[in-house]
Amino acid sequence: MTTKKTVSDAVSTNDYRVSLVALRDRLAQDIDNPETPAAVRAQCAKQLQSVLADIQAIPDPAKFADTELDKLLEEVAP
């Protein structure tokens, strides 16, 4: 995800991974915010662990972009 999105914007894309990444970023912001109460920070940290596991379970399409197979397919069917 190259641009920062709100969680609402990310969810509206209907892309599960994009939504999880936006949620991860929001949870991290809340954890880092000194104004967040300690109890809420603890809940956010627990939720963040779950979100990170979910993200890791979904392949990152950027890692598979521009593979040799992609290059060959582009040559055959541009």
PDB file of N, CA and C in Angstrom:
ATOM      1  N   MET A   1       0.863  -1.174   0.000  1.00  0.00           N
ATOM      2  CA  MET A   1       0.000   0.000   0.000  1.00  0.00           C
ATOM      3  C   MET A   1       0.903   1.230   0.000  1.00  0.00           C
ATOM      4  N   THR A   2       0.834   1.969  -1.073  1.00  0.00           N
ATOM      5  CA  THR A   2       1.744   3.087  -1.206  1.00  0.00           C
ATOM      6  C   THR A   2       1.227   4.362  -0.554  1.00  0.00           C
ATOM      7  N   THR A   3      -0.089   4.534  -0.486  1.00  0.00           N
ATOM      8  CA  THR A   3      -0.625   5.745   0.130  1.00  0.00           C
ATOM      9  C   THR A   3      -1.289   5.391   1.454  1.00  0.00           C
ATOM     10  N   LYS A   4      -1.196   6.330   2.381  1.00  0.00           N
ATOM     11  CA  LYS A   4      -1.864   6.136   3.663  1.00  0.00           C
ATOM     12  C   LYS A   4      -3.358   6.299   3.463  1.00  0.00           C
ATOM     13  N   LYS A   5      -4.124   5.415   4.071  1.00  0.00           N
ATOM     14  CA  LYS A   5      -5.574   5.467   3.973  1.00  0.00           C
ATOM     15  C   LYS A   5      -6.155   5.417   5.380  1.00  0.00           C
ATOM     16  N   THR A   6      -7.351   5.937   5.507  1.00  0.00           N
ATOM     17  CA  THR A   6      -8.063   5.719   6.749  1.00  0.00           C
ATOM     18  C   THR A   6      -8.553   4.276   6.730  1.00  0.00           C
ATOM     19  N   VAL A   7      -8.911   3.772   7.882  1.00  0.00           N
ATOM     20  CA  VAL A   7      -9.455   2.415   7.939  1.00  0.00           C
ATOM     21  C   VAL A   7     -10.730   2.343   7.109  1.00  0.00           C
ATOM     22  N   SER A   8     -11.553   3.373   7.177  1.00  0.00           N
ATOM     23  CA  SER A   8     -12.791   3.401   6.389  1.00  0.00           C
ATOM     24  C   SER A   8     -12.504   3.350   4.893  1.00  0.00           C
ATOM     25  N   ASP A   9     -11.534   4.120   4.441  1.00  0.00           N
ATOM     26  CA  ASP A   9     -11.155   4.100   3.027  1.00  0.00           C
ATOM     27  C   ASP A   9     -10.658   2.719   2.621  1.00  0.00           C
ATOM     28  N   ALA A  10      -9.840   2.126   3.462  1.00  0.00           N
ATOM     29  CA  ALA A  10      -9.284   0.815   3.148  1.00  0.00           C
ATOM     30  C   ALA A  10     -10.375  -0.250   3.084  1.00  0.00           C
ATOM     31  N   VAL A  11     -11.300  -0.221   4.021  1.00  0.00           N
ATOM     32  CA  VAL A  11     -12.381  -1.205   4.040  1.00  0.00           C
ATOM     33  C   VAL A  11     -13.269  -1.062   2.813  1.00  0.00           C
ATOM     34  N   SER A  12     -13.450   0.170   2.353  1.00  0.00           N
ATOM     35  CA  SER A  12     -14.318   0.383   1.194  1.00  0.00           C
ATOM     36  C   SER A  12     -13.727  -0.190  -0.091  1.00  0.00           C
ATOM     37  N   THR A  13     -12.441  -0.536  -0.093  1.00  0.00           N
ATOM     38  CA  THR A  13     -11.831  -1.146  -1.274  1.00  0.00           C
ATOM     39  C   THR A  13     -12.235  -2.615  -1.424  1.00  0.00           C
ATOM     40  N   ASN A  14     -12.791  -3.188  -0.377  1.00  0.00           N
ATOM     41  CA  ASN A  14     -13.145  -4.618  -0.352  1.00  0.00           C
ATOM     42  C   ASN A  14     -11.923  -5.516  -0.514  1.00  0.00           C
ATOM     43  N   ASP A  15     -10.751  -4.990  -0.198  1.00  0.00           N
ATOM     44  CA  ASP A  15      -9.511  -5.765  -0.234  1.00  0.00           C
ATOM     45  C   ASP A  15      -9.139  -6.076   1.216  1.00  0.00           C
ATOM     46  N   TYR A  16      -9.236  -7.345   1.559  1.00  0.00           N
ATOM     47  CA  TYR A  16      -9.032  -7.759   2.945  1.00  0.00           C
ATOM     48  C   TYR A  16      -7.644  -7.388   3.450  1.00  0.00           C
ATOM     49  N   ARG A  17      -6.613  -7.620   2.644  1.00  0.00           N
ATOM     50  CA  ARG A  17      -5.249  -7.329   3.078  1.00  0.00           C
ATOM     51  C   ARG A  17      -5.045  -5.828   3.275  1.00  0.00           C
ATOM     52  N   VAL A  18      -5.545  -5.018   2.345  1.00  0.00           N
ATOM     53  CA  VAL A  18      -5.431  -3.563   2.462  1.00  0.00           C
ATOM     54  C   VAL A  18      -6.134  -3.087   3.739  1.00  0.00           C
ATOM     55  N   SER A  19      -7.284  -3.674   4.023  1.00  0.00           N
ATOM     56  CA  SER A  19      -8.026  -3.310   5.236  1.00  0.00           C
ATOM     57  C   SER A  19      -7.241  -3.672   6.494  1.00  0.00           C
ATOM     58  N   LEU A  20      -6.632  -4.845   6.490  1.00  0.00           N
ATOM     59  CA  LEU A  20      -5.839  -5.263   7.647  1.00  0.00           C
ATOM     60  C   LEU A  20      -4.619  -4.364   7.848  1.00  0.00           C
ATOM     61  N   VAL A  21      -3.974  -3.980   6.756  1.00  0.00           N
ATOM     62  CA  VAL A  21      -2.801  -3.108   6.860  1.00  0.00           C
ATOM     63  C   VAL A  21      -3.204  -1.748   7.439  1.00  0.00           C
ATOM     64  N   ALA A  22      -4.325  -1.214   6.993  1.00  0.00           N
ATOM     65  CA  ALA A  22      -4.804   0.063   7.535  1.00  0.00           C
ATOM     66  C   ALA A  22      -5.144  -0.077   9.019  1.00  0.00           C
ATOM     67  N   LEU A  23      -5.756  -1.190   9.384  1.00  0.00           N
ATOM     68  CA  LEU A  23      -6.088  -1.431  10.796  1.00  0.00           C
ATOM     69  C   LEU A  23      -4.814  -1.568  11.626  1.00  0.00           C
ATOM     70  N   ARG A  24      -3.818  -2.268  11.078  1.00  0.00           N
ATOM     71  CA  ARG A  24      -2.533  -2.408  11.766  1.00  0.00           C
ATOM     72  C   ARG A  24      -1.923  -1.043  12.044  1.00  0.00           C
ATOM     73  N   ASP A  25      -1.927  -0.195  11.015  1.00  0.00           N
ATOM     74  CA  ASP A  25      -1.336   1.138  11.167  1.00  0.00           C
ATOM     75  C   ASP A  25      -2.091   1.971  12.200  1.00  0.00           C
ATOM     76  N   ARG A  26      -3.410   1.863  12.196  1.00  0.00           N
ATOM     77  CA  ARG A  26      -4.224   2.621  13.162  1.00  0.00           C
ATOM     78  C   ARG A  26      -3.978   2.126  14.587  1.00  0.00           C
ATOM     79  N   LEU A  27      -3.920   0.821  14.762  1.00  0.00           N
ATOM     80  CA  LEU A  27      -3.654   0.263  16.094  1.00  0.00           C
ATOM     81  C   LEU A  27      -2.281   0.707  16.593  1.00  0.00           C
ATOM     82  N   ALA A  28      -1.306   0.715  15.715  1.00  0.00           N
ATOM     83  CA  ALA A  28       0.042   1.148  16.107  1.00  0.00           C
ATOM     84  C   ALA A  28       0.028   2.614  16.538  1.00  0.00           C
ATOM     85  N   GLN A  29      -0.721   3.447  15.822  1.00  0.00           N
ATOM     86  CA  GLN A  29      -0.836   4.858  16.208  1.00  0.00           C
ATOM     87  C   GLN A  29      -1.451   4.990  17.601  1.00  0.00           C
ATOM     88  N   ASP A  30      -2.498   4.212  17.851  1.00  0.00           N
ATOM     89  CA  ASP A  30      -3.169   4.283  19.151  1.00  0.00           C
ATOM     90  C   ASP A  30      -2.259   3.797  20.277  1.00  0.00           C
ATOM     91  N   ILE A  31      -1.466   2.767  19.996  1.00  0.00           N
ATOM     92  CA  ILE A  31      -0.536   2.252  21.009  1.00  0.00           C
ATOM     93  C   ILE A  31       0.538   3.287  21.313  1.00  0.00           C
ATOM     94  N   ASP A  32       1.021   3.971  20.290  1.00  0.00           N
ATOM     95  CA  ASP A  32       2.080   4.967  20.472  1.00  0.00           C
ATOM     96  C   ASP A  32       1.587   6.282  21.070  1.00  0.00           C
ATOM     97  N   ASN A  33       0.297   6.525  21.015  1.00  0.00           N
ATOM     98  CA  ASN A  33      -0.270   7.777  21.507  1.00  0.00           C
ATOM     99  C   ASN A  33      -0.228   7.801  23.039  1.00  0.00           C
ATOM    100  N   PRO A  34       0.491   8.755  23.629  1.00  0.00           N
ATOM    101  CA  PRO A  34       0.566   8.810  25.089  1.00  0.00           C
ATOM    102  C   PRO A  34      -0.779   9.132  25.745  1.00  0.00           C
ATOM    103  N   GLU A  35      -1.729   9.647  24.974  1.00  0.00           N
ATOM    104  CA  GLU A  35      -3.055   9.970  25.507  1.00  0.00           C
ATOM    105  C   GLU A  35      -3.955   8.731  25.606  1.00  0.00           C
ATOM    106  N   THR A  36      -3.541   7.636  24.973  1.00  0.00           N
ATOM    107  CA  THR A  36      -4.339   6.414  25.032  1.00  0.00           C
ATOM    108  C   THR A  36      -4.221   5.811  26.428  1.00  0.00           C
ATOM    109  N   PRO A  37      -5.346   5.557  27.091  1.00  0.00           N
ATOM    110  CA  PRO A  37      -5.294   4.952  28.426  1.00  0.00           C
ATOM    111  C   PRO A  37      -4.589   3.591  28.385  1.00  0.00           C
ATOM    112  N   ALA A  38      -3.923   3.262  29.461  1.00  0.00           N
ATOM    113  CA  ALA A  38      -3.137   2.019  29.521  1.00  0.00           C
ATOM    114  C   ALA A  38      -3.984   0.786  29.213  1.00  0.00           C
ATOM    115  N   ALA A  39      -5.196   0.731  29.726  1.00  0.00           N
ATOM    116  CA  ALA A  39      -6.051  -0.433  29.484  1.00  0.00           C
ATOM    117  C   ALA A  39      -6.408  -0.556  28.002  1.00  0.00           C
ATOM    118  N   VAL A  40      -6.667   0.569  27.365  1.00  0.00           N
ATOM    119  CA  VAL A  40      -6.993   0.566  25.938  1.00  0.00           C
ATOM    120  C   VAL A  40      -5.752   0.194  25.133  1.00  0.00           C
ATOM    121  N   ARG A  41      -4.599   0.693  25.553  1.00  0.00           N
ATOM    122  CA  ARG A  41      -3.340   0.368  24.876  1.00  0.00           C
ATOM    123  C   ARG A  41      -3.085  -1.137  24.931  1.00  0.00           C
ATOM    124  N   ALA A  42      -3.369  -1.747  26.055  1.00  0.00           N
ATOM    125  CA  ALA A  42      -3.189  -3.192  26.186  1.00  0.00           C
ATOM    126  C   ALA A  42      -4.136  -3.948  25.253  1.00  0.00           C
ATOM    127  N   GLN A  43      -5.371  -3.490  25.154  1.00  0.00           N
ATOM    128  CA  GLN A  43      -6.327  -4.118  24.236  1.00  0.00           C
ATOM    129  C   GLN A  43      -5.877  -3.959  22.788  1.00  0.00           C
ATOM    130  N   CYS A  44      -5.381  -2.779  22.465  1.00  0.00           N
ATOM    131  CA  CYS A  44      -4.892  -2.521  21.107  1.00  0.00           C
ATOM    132  C   CYS A  44      -3.695  -3.418  20.785  1.00  0.00           C
ATOM    133  N   ALA A  45      -2.812  -3.604  21.748  1.00  0.00           N
ATOM    134  CA  ALA A  45      -1.641  -4.443  21.529  1.00  0.00           C
ATOM    135  C   ALA A  45      -2.053  -5.893  21.257  1.00  0.00           C
ATOM    136  N   LYS A  46      -3.037  -6.358  21.992  1.00  0.00           N
ATOM    137  CA  LYS A  46      -3.518  -7.727  21.773  1.00  0.00           C
ATOM    138  C   LYS A  46      -4.164  -7.851  20.394  1.00  0.00           C
ATOM    139  N   GLN A  47      -4.959  -6.869  20.022  1.00  0.00           N
ATOM    140  CA  GLN A  47      -5.595  -6.879  18.704  1.00  0.00           C
ATOM    141  C   GLN A  47      -4.549  -6.769  17.604  1.00  0.00           C
ATOM    142  N   LEU A  48      -3.506  -5.978  17.840  1.00  0.00           N
ATOM    143  CA  LEU A  48      -2.441  -5.819  16.857  1.00  0.00           C
ATOM    144  C   LEU A  48      -1.754  -7.151  16.581  1.00  0.00           C
ATOM    145  N   GLN A  49      -1.530  -7.946  17.614  1.00  0.00           N
ATOM    146  CA  GLN A  49      -0.918  -9.260  17.417  1.00  0.00           C
ATOM    147  C   GLN A  49      -1.764 -10.116  16.484  1.00  0.00           C
ATOM    148  N   SER A  50      -3.060 -10.078  16.662  1.00  0.00           N
ATOM    149  CA  SER A  50      -3.975 -10.844  15.821  1.00  0.00           C
ATOM    150  C   SER A  50      -3.958 -10.341  14.377  1.00  0.00           C
ATOM    151  N   VAL A  51      -3.979  -9.030  14.210  1.00  0.00           N
ATOM    152  CA  VAL A  51      -3.977  -8.437  12.874  1.00  0.00           C
ATOM    153  C   VAL A  51      -2.660  -8.767  12.159  1.00  0.00           C
ATOM    154  N   LEU A  52      -1.549  -8.696  12.874  1.00  0.00           N
ATOM    155  CA  LEU A  52      -0.261  -9.019  12.268  1.00  0.00           C
ATOM    156  C   LEU A  52      -0.215 -10.472  11.795  1.00  0.00           C
ATOM    157  N   ALA A  53      -0.777 -11.358  12.575  1.00  0.00           N
ATOM    158  CA  ALA A  53      -0.827 -12.769  12.177  1.00  0.00           C
ATOM    159  C   ALA A  53      -1.689 -12.951  10.932  1.00  0.00           C
ATOM    160  N   ASP A  54      -2.805 -12.242  10.880  1.00  0.00           N
ATOM    161  CA  ASP A  54      -3.682 -12.327   9.703  1.00  0.00           C
ATOM    162  C   ASP A  54      -2.991 -11.785   8.460  1.00  0.00           C
ATOM    163  N   ILE A  55      -2.266 -10.686   8.599  1.00  0.00           N
ATOM    164  CA  ILE A  55      -1.548 -10.111   7.457  1.00  0.00           C
ATOM    165  C   ILE A  55      -0.473 -11.087   6.970  1.00  0.00           C
ATOM    166  N   GLN A  56       0.243 -11.672   7.903  1.00  0.00           N
ATOM    167  CA  GLN A  56       1.319 -12.593   7.528  1.00  0.00           C
ATOM    168  C   GLN A  56       0.780 -13.820   6.795  1.00  0.00           C
ATOM    169  N   ALA A  57      -0.460 -14.193   7.075  1.00  0.00           N
ATOM    170  CA  ALA A  57      -1.063 -15.368   6.444  1.00  0.00           C
ATOM    171  C   ALA A  57      -1.500 -15.102   5.003  1.00  0.00           C
ATOM    172  N   ILE A  58      -1.568 -13.827   4.623  1.00  0.00           N
ATOM    173  CA  ILE A  58      -1.999 -13.463   3.270  1.00  0.00           C
ATOM    174  C   ILE A  58      -0.765 -13.070   2.469  1.00  0.00           C
ATOM    175  N   PRO A  59      -0.531 -13.712   1.337  1.00  0.00           N
ATOM    176  CA  PRO A  59       0.639 -13.333   0.531  1.00  0.00           C
ATOM    177  C   PRO A  59       0.571 -11.872   0.107  1.00  0.00           C
ATOM    178  N   ASP A  60       1.712 -11.206   0.150  1.00  0.00           N
ATOM    179  CA  ASP A  60       1.799  -9.808  -0.273  1.00  0.00           C
ATOM    180  C   ASP A  60       1.957  -9.785  -1.788  1.00  0.00           C
ATOM    181  N   PRO A  61       0.976  -9.224  -2.494  1.00  0.00           N
ATOM    182  CA  PRO A  61       1.065  -9.229  -3.956  1.00  0.00           C
ATOM    183  C   PRO A  61       2.301  -8.493  -4.477  1.00  0.00           C
ATOM    184  N   ALA A  62       2.821  -7.543  -3.730  1.00  0.00           N
ATOM    185  CA  ALA A  62       4.005  -6.810  -4.167  1.00  0.00           C
ATOM    186  C   ALA A  62       5.230  -7.721  -4.248  1.00  0.00           C
ATOM    187  N   LYS A  63       5.268  -8.748  -3.433  1.00  0.00           N
ATOM    188  CA  LYS A  63       6.403  -9.669  -3.459  1.00  0.00           C
ATOM    189  C   LYS A  63       6.412 -10.525  -4.717  1.00  0.00           C
ATOM    190  N   PHE A  64       5.253 -10.668  -5.329  1.00  0.00           N
ATOM    191  CA  PHE A  64       5.138 -11.528  -6.499  1.00  0.00           C
ATOM    192  C   PHE A  64       5.031 -10.736  -7.794  1.00  0.00           C
ATOM    193  N   ALA A  65       5.108  -9.425  -7.709  1.00  0.00           N
ATOM    194  CA  ALA A  65       5.015  -8.588  -8.902  1.00  0.00           C
ATOM    195  C   ALA A  65       6.317  -8.665  -9.691  1.00  0.00           C
ATOM    196  N   ASP A  66       6.188  -8.590 -10.979  1.00  0.00           N
ATOM    197  CA  ASP A  66       7.337  -8.570 -11.875  1.00  0.00           C
ATOM    198  C   ASP A  66       8.237  -9.797 -11.736  1.00  0.00           C
ATOM    199  N   THR A  67       7.624 -10.960 -11.600  1.00  0.00           N
ATOM    200  CA  THR A  67       8.395 -12.189 -11.598  1.00  0.00           C
ATOM    201  C   THR A  67       8.727 -12.550 -13.033  1.00  0.00           C
ATOM    202  N   GLU A  68       9.566 -13.527 -13.220  1.00  0.00           N
ATOM    203  CA  GLU A  68       9.907 -13.975 -14.565  1.00  0.00           C
ATOM    204  C   GLU A  68       8.656 -14.416 -15.320  1.00  0.00           C
ATOM    205  N   LEU A  69       7.742 -15.082 -14.622  1.00  0.00           N
ATOM    206  CA  LEU A  69       6.509 -15.515 -15.262  1.00  0.00           C
ATOM    207  C   LEU A  69       5.689 -14.318 -15.732  1.00  0.00           C
ATOM    208  N   ASP A  70       5.597 -13.284 -14.915  1.00  0.00           N
ATOM    209  CA  ASP A  70       4.877 -12.069 -15.309  1.00  0.00           C
ATOM    210  C   ASP A  70       5.488 -11.468 -16.569  1.00  0.00           C
ATOM    211  N   LYS A  71       6.810 -11.411 -16.627  1.00  0.00           N
ATOM    212  CA  LYS A  71       7.488 -10.840 -17.788  1.00  0.00           C
ATOM    213  C   LYS A  71       7.199 -11.649 -19.048  1.00  0.00           C
ATOM    214  N   LEU A  72       7.228 -12.980 -18.908  1.00  0.00           N
ATOM    215  CA  LEU A  72       6.936 -13.840 -20.057  1.00  0.00           C
ATOM    216  C   LEU A  72       5.494 -13.673 -20.514  1.00  0.00           C
ATOM    217  N   LEU A  73       4.577 -13.594 -19.573  1.00  0.00           N
ATOM    218  CA  LEU A  73       3.165 -13.435 -19.927  1.00  0.00           C
ATOM    219  C   LEU A  73       2.924 -12.099 -20.616  1.00  0.00           C
ATOM    220  N   GLU A  74       3.619 -11.060 -20.201  1.00  0.00           N
ATOM    221  CA  GLU A  74       3.476  -9.755 -20.844  1.00  0.00           C
ATOM    222  C   GLU A  74       3.971  -9.788 -22.277  1.00  0.00           C
ATOM    223  N   GLU A  75       5.029 -10.557 -22.528  1.00  0.00           N
ATOM    224  CA  GLU A  75       5.557 -10.680 -23.879  1.00  0.00           C
ATOM    225  C   GLU A  75       4.568 -11.411 -24.787  1.00  0.00           C
ATOM    226  N   VAL A  76       3.890 -12.416 -24.243  1.00  0.00           N
ATOM    227  CA  VAL A  76       2.961 -13.221 -25.024  1.00  0.00           C
ATOM    228  C   VAL A  76       1.640 -12.474 -25.242  1.00  0.00           C
ATOM    229  N   ALA A  77       1.132 -11.851 -24.210  1.00  0.00           N
ATOM    230  CA  ALA A  77      -0.161 -11.154 -24.297  1.00  0.00           C
ATOM    231  C   ALA A  77      -0.049  -9.764 -23.687  1.00  0.00           C
ATOM    232  N   PRO A  78       0.494  -8.811 -24.438  1.00  0.00           N
ATOM    233  CA  PRO A  78       0.676  -7.456 -23.879  1.00  0.00           C
ATOM    234  C   PRO A  78      -0.634  -6.736 -23.649  1.00  0.00           C
TER     235      PRO A  78
END
